[in-house]
Amino acid sequence: MTRRDLTARDICLKGPVGSIQGVQENPFGQDPAGVAMLCHPHPLYGGTMNNKVVHTLARSFLRLGCVAIRFNFRGVGDSEGSYGEGSGEIEDALTVAGWARLQWPELRLYLGGFSFGSMVALRAASQLLPDGLVTVAPPVRKSAGRIDQPECRWLVVQGDEDELVDAEEVAEWLKSLAPGPELRMINGAEHFFHGRLNELRDSVVEFFQPEFSSEPQSSES
């Protein structure tokens, strides 16, 4: 039996258009200090909860002692329904986060996402009012409409050689926000952070670590 066998379980939640498939992972050997819900990249381009960047975000929050929840948007994997043009995926995220808050009402809630999922998490934050938010490679060019800036600590992680999301556009967009999030630009990293996932993980852990009293936990990478 592996550590993951001891700390992970499949979940199936009732969503707005049918069941939502997910995975709940608990920090090993300790009571959780928070809960993190993580959103995957675009469903129409192969994005799933098993994406390596999303998996790395989960590892980051597990290191911090949080429960990490990854899930498939509607129409992905065993989640029912079909692509919801962004608004449907926000509904899915709100459903999963609502379930998490019922399970752990006393714990702080963190949101995270990668690419398309980062914008879902950002838009959901205005309703969920989380304790922290991390958005990785947010596709700001494709984002339509006004975005309410969350009133929580917010980290943006971006690769400066991202071939899909222009790093300069992300930096300029963040300058327009006040007070705005903290930007961690990873030199030499492209969109999927090949070979740079540990740096992504460490950026997230370092940013949120002051909110947790204990030292980061070891985890599988």
C-alpha atoms as a PDB file:
ATOM      1  CA  MET A   1       0.000   0.000   0.000  1.00  0.00           C
ATOM      2  CA  THR A   2       1.427   3.393  -1.036  1.00  0.00           C
ATOM      3  CA  ARG A   3       1.137   6.721   0.704  1.00  0.00           C
ATOM      4  CA  ARG A   4      -1.366   7.804  -1.961  1.00  0.00           C
ATOM      5  CA  ASP A   5      -3.534   4.773  -1.128  1.00  0.00           C
ATOM      6  CA  LEU A   6      -3.667   6.038   2.444  1.00  0.00           C
ATOM      7  CA  THR A   7      -4.401   9.686   1.660  1.00  0.00           C
ATOM      8  CA  ALA A   8      -6.490   9.770  -1.549  1.00  0.00           C
ATOM      9  CA  ARG A   9     -10.043   8.804  -2.382  1.00  0.00           C
ATOM     10  CA  ASP A  10     -12.277   9.196  -5.395  1.00  0.00           C
ATOM     11  CA  ILE A  11     -15.324  11.412  -4.940  1.00  0.00           C
ATOM     12  CA  CYS A  12     -18.520  11.799  -6.956  1.00  0.00           C
ATOM     13  CA  LEU A  13     -20.624  14.885  -6.301  1.00  0.00           C
ATOM     14  CA  LYS A  14     -24.048  15.949  -7.522  1.00  0.00           C
ATOM     15  CA  GLY A  15     -23.513  18.879  -9.865  1.00  0.00           C
ATOM     16  CA  PRO A  16     -25.786  21.289 -11.750  1.00  0.00           C
ATOM     17  CA  VAL A  17     -25.965  18.998 -14.835  1.00  0.00           C
ATOM     18  CA  GLY A  18     -25.126  15.616 -13.310  1.00  0.00           C
ATOM     19  CA  SER A  19     -22.345  13.954 -11.401  1.00  0.00           C
ATOM     20  CA  ILE A  20     -18.927  15.577 -10.943  1.00  0.00           C
ATOM     21  CA  GLN A  21     -15.905  13.289 -10.745  1.00  0.00           C
ATOM     22  CA  GLY A  22     -13.082  14.240  -8.422  1.00  0.00           C
ATOM     23  CA  VAL A  23     -10.218  13.171  -6.197  1.00  0.00           C
ATOM     24  CA  GLN A  24      -9.723  14.198  -2.582  1.00  0.00           C
ATOM     25  CA  GLU A  25      -6.194  13.966  -1.169  1.00  0.00           C
ATOM     26  CA  ASN A  26      -5.426  14.459   2.522  1.00  0.00           C
ATOM     27  CA  PRO A  27      -2.114  15.546   4.044  1.00  0.00           C
ATOM     28  CA  PHE A  28      -0.253  12.498   5.315  1.00  0.00           C
ATOM     29  CA  GLY A  29      -0.096  11.901   9.048  1.00  0.00           C
ATOM     30  CA  GLN A  30      -1.685  15.151  10.243  1.00  0.00           C
ATOM     31  CA  ASP A  31      -4.967  16.966  10.673  1.00  0.00           C
ATOM     32  CA  PRO A  32      -5.619  19.296   7.721  1.00  0.00           C
ATOM     33  CA  ALA A  33      -4.885  22.992   8.111  1.00  0.00           C
ATOM     34  CA  GLY A  34      -6.945  24.090   5.110  1.00  0.00           C
ATOM     35  CA  VAL A  35      -8.666  22.872   1.965  1.00  0.00           C
ATOM     36  CA  ALA A  36      -7.707  23.721  -1.622  1.00  0.00           C
ATOM     37  CA  MET A  37      -9.900  23.324  -4.706  1.00  0.00           C
ATOM     38  CA  LEU A  38      -8.022  23.188  -8.007  1.00  0.00           C
ATOM     39  CA  CYS A  39      -9.341  23.779 -11.535  1.00  0.00           C
ATOM     40  CA  HIS A  40      -7.938  22.211 -14.707  1.00  0.00           C
ATOM     41  CA  PRO A  41      -7.202  23.694 -18.160  1.00  0.00           C
ATOM     42  CA  HIS A  42      -9.593  23.940 -21.103  1.00  0.00           C
ATOM     43  CA  PRO A  43     -11.888  20.912 -21.529  1.00  0.00           C
ATOM     44  CA  LEU A  44     -11.933  21.212 -25.323  1.00  0.00           C
ATOM     45  CA  TYR A  45      -8.137  20.986 -25.556  1.00  0.00           C
ATOM     46  CA  GLY A  46      -7.522  17.924 -23.433  1.00  0.00           C
ATOM     47  CA  GLY A  47      -7.617  19.527 -20.000  1.00  0.00           C
ATOM     48  CA  THR A  48      -8.424  17.211 -17.092  1.00  0.00           C
ATOM     49  CA  MET A  49      -7.888  17.041 -13.343  1.00  0.00           C
ATOM     50  CA  ASN A  50      -4.867  14.806 -14.036  1.00  0.00           C
ATOM     51  CA  ASN A  51      -2.970  17.591 -15.808  1.00  0.00           C
ATOM     52  CA  LYS A  52       0.594  17.799 -14.425  1.00  0.00           C
ATOM     53  CA  VAL A  53       0.333  21.466 -13.481  1.00  0.00           C
ATOM     54  CA  VAL A  54      -2.922  20.868 -11.595  1.00  0.00           C
ATOM     55  CA  HIS A  55      -1.331  17.838  -9.954  1.00  0.00           C
ATOM     56  CA  THR A  56       1.609  20.061  -8.920  1.00  0.00           C
ATOM     57  CA  LEU A  57      -0.770  22.587  -7.374  1.00  0.00           C
ATOM     58  CA  ALA A  58      -2.295  19.750  -5.369  1.00  0.00           C
ATOM     59  CA  ARG A  59       1.184  18.675  -4.204  1.00  0.00           C
ATOM     60  CA  SER A  60       1.878  22.271  -3.165  1.00  0.00           C
ATOM     61  CA  PHE A  61      -1.139  22.509  -0.904  1.00  0.00           C
ATOM     62  CA  LEU A  62      -0.573  19.035   0.501  1.00  0.00           C
ATOM     63  CA  ARG A  63       2.878  20.225   1.548  1.00  0.00           C
ATOM     64  CA  LEU A  64       1.202  23.071   3.376  1.00  0.00           C
ATOM     65  CA  GLY A  65      -1.008  20.594   5.217  1.00  0.00           C
ATOM     66  CA  CYS A  66      -4.195  21.178   3.216  1.00  0.00           C
ATOM     67  CA  VAL A  67      -6.739  18.803   1.775  1.00  0.00           C
ATOM     68  CA  ALA A  68      -6.369  19.028  -2.025  1.00  0.00           C
ATOM     69  CA  ILE A  69      -9.399  18.507  -4.264  1.00  0.00           C
ATOM     70  CA  ARG A  70      -9.064  18.080  -8.019  1.00  0.00           C
ATOM     71  CA  PHE A  71     -12.146  17.539 -10.177  1.00  0.00           C
ATOM     72  CA  ASN A  72     -13.229  17.226 -13.784  1.00  0.00           C
ATOM     73  CA  PHE A  73     -15.443  19.891 -15.275  1.00  0.00           C
ATOM     74  CA  ARG A  74     -18.712  18.824 -16.889  1.00  0.00           C
ATOM     75  CA  GLY A  75     -18.205  16.585 -19.916  1.00  0.00           C
ATOM     76  CA  VAL A  76     -14.659  15.586 -18.902  1.00  0.00           C
ATOM     77  CA  GLY A  77     -13.799  12.066 -17.764  1.00  0.00           C
ATOM     78  CA  ASP A  78     -16.707  10.673 -15.776  1.00  0.00           C
ATOM     79  CA  SER A  79     -18.275  14.071 -15.087  1.00  0.00           C
ATOM     80  CA  GLU A  80     -21.645  14.319 -16.792  1.00  0.00           C
ATOM     81  CA  GLY A  81     -22.829  17.061 -19.126  1.00  0.00           C
ATOM     82  CA  SER A  82     -20.995  18.977 -21.845  1.00  0.00           C
ATOM     83  CA  TYR A  83     -18.761  22.016 -22.139  1.00  0.00           C
ATOM     84  CA  GLY A  84     -20.427  25.018 -20.493  1.00  0.00           C
ATOM     85  CA  GLU A  85     -18.689  27.945 -22.271  1.00  0.00           C
ATOM     86  CA  GLY A  86     -16.944  28.938 -19.038  1.00  0.00           C
ATOM     87  CA  SER A  87     -20.048  29.880 -17.058  1.00  0.00           C
ATOM     88  CA  GLY A  88     -20.993  26.220 -16.628  1.00  0.00           C
ATOM     89  CA  GLU A  89     -17.509  25.422 -15.357  1.00  0.00           C
ATOM     90  CA  ILE A  90     -17.809  28.218 -12.793  1.00  0.00           C
ATOM     91  CA  GLU A  91     -21.016  26.558 -11.592  1.00  0.00           C
ATOM     92  CA  ASP A  92     -19.113  23.290 -11.243  1.00  0.00           C
ATOM     93  CA  ALA A  93     -16.383  24.999  -9.212  1.00  0.00           C
ATOM     94  CA  LEU A  94     -18.940  26.635  -6.922  1.00  0.00           C
ATOM     95  CA  THR A  95     -20.565  23.240  -6.369  1.00  0.00           C
ATOM     96  CA  VAL A  96     -17.293  21.541  -5.452  1.00  0.00           C
ATOM     97  CA  ALA A  97     -16.223  24.385  -3.170  1.00  0.00           C
ATOM     98  CA  GLY A  98     -19.630  24.383  -1.474  1.00  0.00           C
ATOM     99  CA  TRP A  99     -19.275  20.671  -0.794  1.00  0.00           C
ATOM    100  CA  ALA A 100     -15.764  21.203   0.584  1.00  0.00           C
ATOM    101  CA  ARG A 101     -16.977  23.881   2.963  1.00  0.00           C
ATOM    102  CA  LEU A 102     -19.661  21.541   4.279  1.00  0.00           C
ATOM    103  CA  GLN A 103     -17.055  18.841   4.902  1.00  0.00           C
ATOM    104  CA  TRP A 104     -14.516  21.163   6.571  1.00  0.00           C
ATOM    105  CA  PRO A 105     -16.443  24.233   7.760  1.00  0.00           C
ATOM    106  CA  GLU A 106     -13.710  25.263  10.190  1.00  0.00           C
ATOM    107  CA  LEU A 107     -10.869  25.257   7.623  1.00  0.00           C
ATOM    108  CA  ARG A 108      -9.590  28.038   5.379  1.00  0.00           C
ATOM    109  CA  LEU A 109     -10.491  27.670   1.695  1.00  0.00           C
ATOM    110  CA  TYR A 110      -7.946  28.166  -1.095  1.00  0.00           C
ATOM    111  CA  LEU A 111      -8.642  28.236  -4.831  1.00  0.00           C
ATOM    112  CA  GLY A 112      -6.241  27.479  -7.637  1.00  0.00           C
ATOM    113  CA  GLY A 113      -6.267  26.861 -11.339  1.00  0.00           C
ATOM    114  CA  PHE A 114      -4.169  26.532 -14.460  1.00  0.00           C
ATOM    115  CA  SER A 115      -4.783  28.338 -17.761  1.00  0.00           C
ATOM    116  CA  PHE A 116      -8.563  28.187 -18.455  1.00  0.00           C
ATOM    117  CA  GLY A 117      -8.984  26.834 -14.924  1.00  0.00           C
ATOM    118  CA  SER A 118      -7.206  29.855 -13.469  1.00  0.00           C
ATOM    119  CA  MET A 119      -9.874  32.177 -14.854  1.00  0.00           C
ATOM    120  CA  VAL A 120     -12.630  29.873 -13.575  1.00  0.00           C
ATOM    121  CA  ALA A 121     -11.062  30.011 -10.111  1.00  0.00           C
ATOM    122  CA  LEU A 122     -10.661  33.797 -10.313  1.00  0.00           C
ATOM    123  CA  ARG A 123     -14.287  34.362 -11.283  1.00  0.00           C
ATOM    124  CA  ALA A 124     -15.531  31.902  -8.656  1.00  0.00           C
ATOM    125  CA  ALA A 125     -13.513  33.748  -6.010  1.00  0.00           C
ATOM    126  CA  SER A 126     -15.878  36.741  -6.136  1.00  0.00           C
ATOM    127  CA  GLN A 127     -18.653  34.503  -4.804  1.00  0.00           C
ATOM    128  CA  LEU A 128     -16.652  32.144  -2.609  1.00  0.00           C
ATOM    129  CA  LEU A 129     -14.462  34.774  -0.899  1.00  0.00           C
ATOM    130  CA  PRO A 130     -11.578  32.344  -0.338  1.00  0.00           C
ATOM    131  CA  ASP A 131      -8.629  32.853   1.989  1.00  0.00           C
ATOM    132  CA  GLY A 132      -6.155  32.589  -0.885  1.00  0.00           C
ATOM    133  CA  LEU A 133      -5.967  32.238  -4.671  1.00  0.00           C
ATOM    134  CA  VAL A 134      -3.293  31.038  -7.088  1.00  0.00           C
ATOM    135  CA  THR A 135      -3.685  31.423 -10.850  1.00  0.00           C
ATOM    136  CA  VAL A 136      -1.125  29.817 -13.151  1.00  0.00           C
ATOM    137  CA  ALA A 137      -0.743  31.135 -16.722  1.00  0.00           C
ATOM    138  CA  PRO A 138      -4.050  33.052 -16.779  1.00  0.00           C
ATOM    139  CA  PRO A 139      -5.187  33.549 -20.402  1.00  0.00           C
ATOM    140  CA  VAL A 140      -5.944  37.242 -20.033  1.00  0.00           C
ATOM    141  CA  ARG A 141      -6.337  37.876 -23.782  1.00  0.00           C
ATOM    142  CA  LYS A 142      -9.238  35.430 -23.991  1.00  0.00           C
ATOM    143  CA  SER A 143     -10.933  36.653 -20.839  1.00  0.00           C
ATOM    144  CA  ALA A 144     -14.043  38.691 -21.578  1.00  0.00           C
ATOM    145  CA  GLY A 145     -15.771  41.091 -19.218  1.00  0.00           C
ATOM    146  CA  ARG A 146     -14.858  42.776 -15.979  1.00  0.00           C
ATOM    147  CA  ILE A 147     -13.135  40.723 -13.308  1.00  0.00           C
ATOM    148  CA  ASP A 148     -13.651  41.537  -9.644  1.00  0.00           C
ATOM    149  CA  GLN A 149     -10.337  41.433  -7.854  1.00  0.00           C
ATOM    150  CA  PRO A 150     -10.459  39.029  -4.883  1.00  0.00           C
ATOM    151  CA  GLU A 151      -9.941  40.453  -1.406  1.00  0.00           C
ATOM    152  CA  CYS A 152      -7.508  37.722  -0.432  1.00  0.00           C
ATOM    153  CA  ARG A 153      -3.827  36.958  -0.944  1.00  0.00           C
ATOM    154  CA  TRP A 154      -3.412  36.213  -4.638  1.00  0.00           C
ATOM    155  CA  LEU A 155      -0.458  34.699  -6.443  1.00  0.00           C
ATOM    156  CA  VAL A 156       0.041  34.608 -10.223  1.00  0.00           C
ATOM    157  CA  VAL A 157       2.691  32.240 -11.593  1.00  0.00           C
ATOM    158  CA  GLN A 158       3.749  32.681 -15.207  1.00  0.00           C
ATOM    159  CA  GLY A 159       6.463  31.258 -17.430  1.00  0.00           C
ATOM    160  CA  ASP A 160       8.329  33.876 -19.434  1.00  0.00           C
ATOM    161  CA  GLU A 161       8.561  31.545 -22.456  1.00  0.00           C
ATOM    162  CA  ASP A 162       4.870  30.574 -22.450  1.00  0.00           C
ATOM    163  CA  GLU A 163       3.897  29.868 -26.061  1.00  0.00           C
ATOM    164  CA  LEU A 164       0.129  30.084 -25.405  1.00  0.00           C
ATOM    165  CA  VAL A 165      -0.245  32.875 -22.836  1.00  0.00           C
ATOM    166  CA  ASP A 166       1.863  35.966 -23.511  1.00  0.00           C
ATOM    167  CA  ALA A 167       3.892  36.741 -20.387  1.00  0.00           C
ATOM    168  CA  GLU A 168       4.109  40.458 -21.193  1.00  0.00           C
ATOM    169  CA  GLU A 169       0.328  40.699 -21.556  1.00  0.00           C
ATOM    170  CA  VAL A 170      -0.112  39.029 -18.176  1.00  0.00           C
ATOM    171  CA  ALA A 171       2.344  41.463 -16.575  1.00  0.00           C
ATOM    172  CA  GLU A 172       0.603  44.483 -18.161  1.00  0.00           C
ATOM    173  CA  TRP A 173      -2.820  43.229 -17.060  1.00  0.00           C
ATOM    174  CA  LEU A 174      -1.621  42.845 -13.482  1.00  0.00           C
ATOM    175  CA  LYS A 175      -0.267  46.402 -13.505  1.00  0.00           C
ATOM    176  CA  SER A 176      -3.803  47.628 -14.162  1.00  0.00           C
ATOM    177  CA  LEU A 177      -5.033  46.092 -10.914  1.00  0.00           C
ATOM    178  CA  ALA A 178      -4.749  47.736  -7.527  1.00  0.00           C
ATOM    179  CA  PRO A 179      -3.362  46.524  -5.232  1.00  0.00           C
ATOM    180  CA  GLY A 180      -3.039  43.499  -7.517  1.00  0.00           C
ATOM    181  CA  PRO A 181      -1.595  40.045  -6.942  1.00  0.00           C
ATOM    182  CA  GLU A 182       2.006  39.012  -6.505  1.00  0.00           C
ATOM    183  CA  LEU A 183       3.591  37.847  -9.778  1.00  0.00           C
ATOM    184  CA  ARG A 184       6.177  35.073  -9.817  1.00  0.00           C
ATOM    185  CA  MET A 185       7.752  34.895 -13.275  1.00  0.00           C
ATOM    186  CA  ILE A 186       9.658  31.655 -13.844  1.00  0.00           C
ATOM    187  CA  ASN A 187      12.488  32.204 -16.302  1.00  0.00           C
ATOM    188  CA  GLY A 188      12.660  29.688 -19.128  1.00  0.00           C
ATOM    189  CA  ALA A 189       9.309  28.068 -18.334  1.00  0.00           C
ATOM    190  CA  GLU A 190       6.782  27.441 -21.108  1.00  0.00           C
ATOM    191  CA  HIS A 191       3.047  26.905 -20.798  1.00  0.00           C
ATOM    192  CA  PHE A 192       3.096  23.424 -19.288  1.00  0.00           C
ATOM    193  CA  PHE A 193       6.182  24.075 -17.136  1.00  0.00           C
ATOM    194  CA  HIS A 194       8.041  21.055 -18.524  1.00  0.00           C
ATOM    195  CA  GLY A 195      11.074  20.493 -16.324  1.00  0.00           C
ATOM    196  CA  ARG A 196      10.045  23.413 -14.074  1.00  0.00           C
ATOM    197  CA  LEU A 197       7.222  21.902 -12.031  1.00  0.00           C
ATOM    198  CA  ASN A 198       9.300  21.860  -8.857  1.00  0.00           C
ATOM    199  CA  GLU A 199       9.866  25.601  -9.199  1.00  0.00           C
ATOM    200  CA  LEU A 200       6.128  26.094  -9.621  1.00  0.00           C
ATOM    201  CA  ARG A 201       5.467  24.004  -6.513  1.00  0.00           C
ATOM    202  CA  ASP A 202       8.069  25.870  -4.479  1.00  0.00           C
ATOM    203  CA  SER A 203       6.651  29.253  -5.546  1.00  0.00           C
ATOM    204  CA  VAL A 204       3.203  28.316  -4.272  1.00  0.00           C
ATOM    205  CA  VAL A 205       4.505  26.850  -1.005  1.00  0.00           C
ATOM    206  CA  GLU A 206       6.742  29.852  -0.325  1.00  0.00           C
ATOM    207  CA  PHE A 207       3.939  32.332  -0.977  1.00  0.00           C
ATOM    208  CA  PHE A 208       1.377  30.714   1.334  1.00  0.00           C
ATOM    209  CA  GLN A 209       3.710  29.270   3.975  1.00  0.00           C
ATOM    210  CA  PRO A 210       3.506  32.306   6.316  1.00  0.00           C
ATOM    211  CA  GLU A 211      -0.208  31.528   6.827  1.00  0.00           C
ATOM    212  CA  PHE A 212       0.638  28.112   8.253  1.00  0.00           C
ATOM    213  CA  SER A 213       2.421  27.614  11.546  1.00  0.00           C
ATOM    214  CA  SER A 214       4.021  24.257  10.778  1.00  0.00           C
ATOM    215  CA  GLU A 215       6.875  23.471   8.403  1.00  0.00           C
ATOM    216  CA  PRO A 216       6.006  22.292   4.853  1.00  0.00           C
ATOM    217  CA  GLN A 217       5.269  18.585   4.705  1.00  0.00           C
ATOM    218  CA  SER A 218       7.113  16.158   2.449  1.00  0.00           C
ATOM    219  CA  SER A 219       5.063  14.923  -0.502  1.00  0.00           C
ATOM    220  CA  GLU A 220       5.264  12.870  -3.645  1.00  0.00           C
ATOM    221  CA  SER A 221       6.355  14.950  -6.649  1.00  0.00           C
END
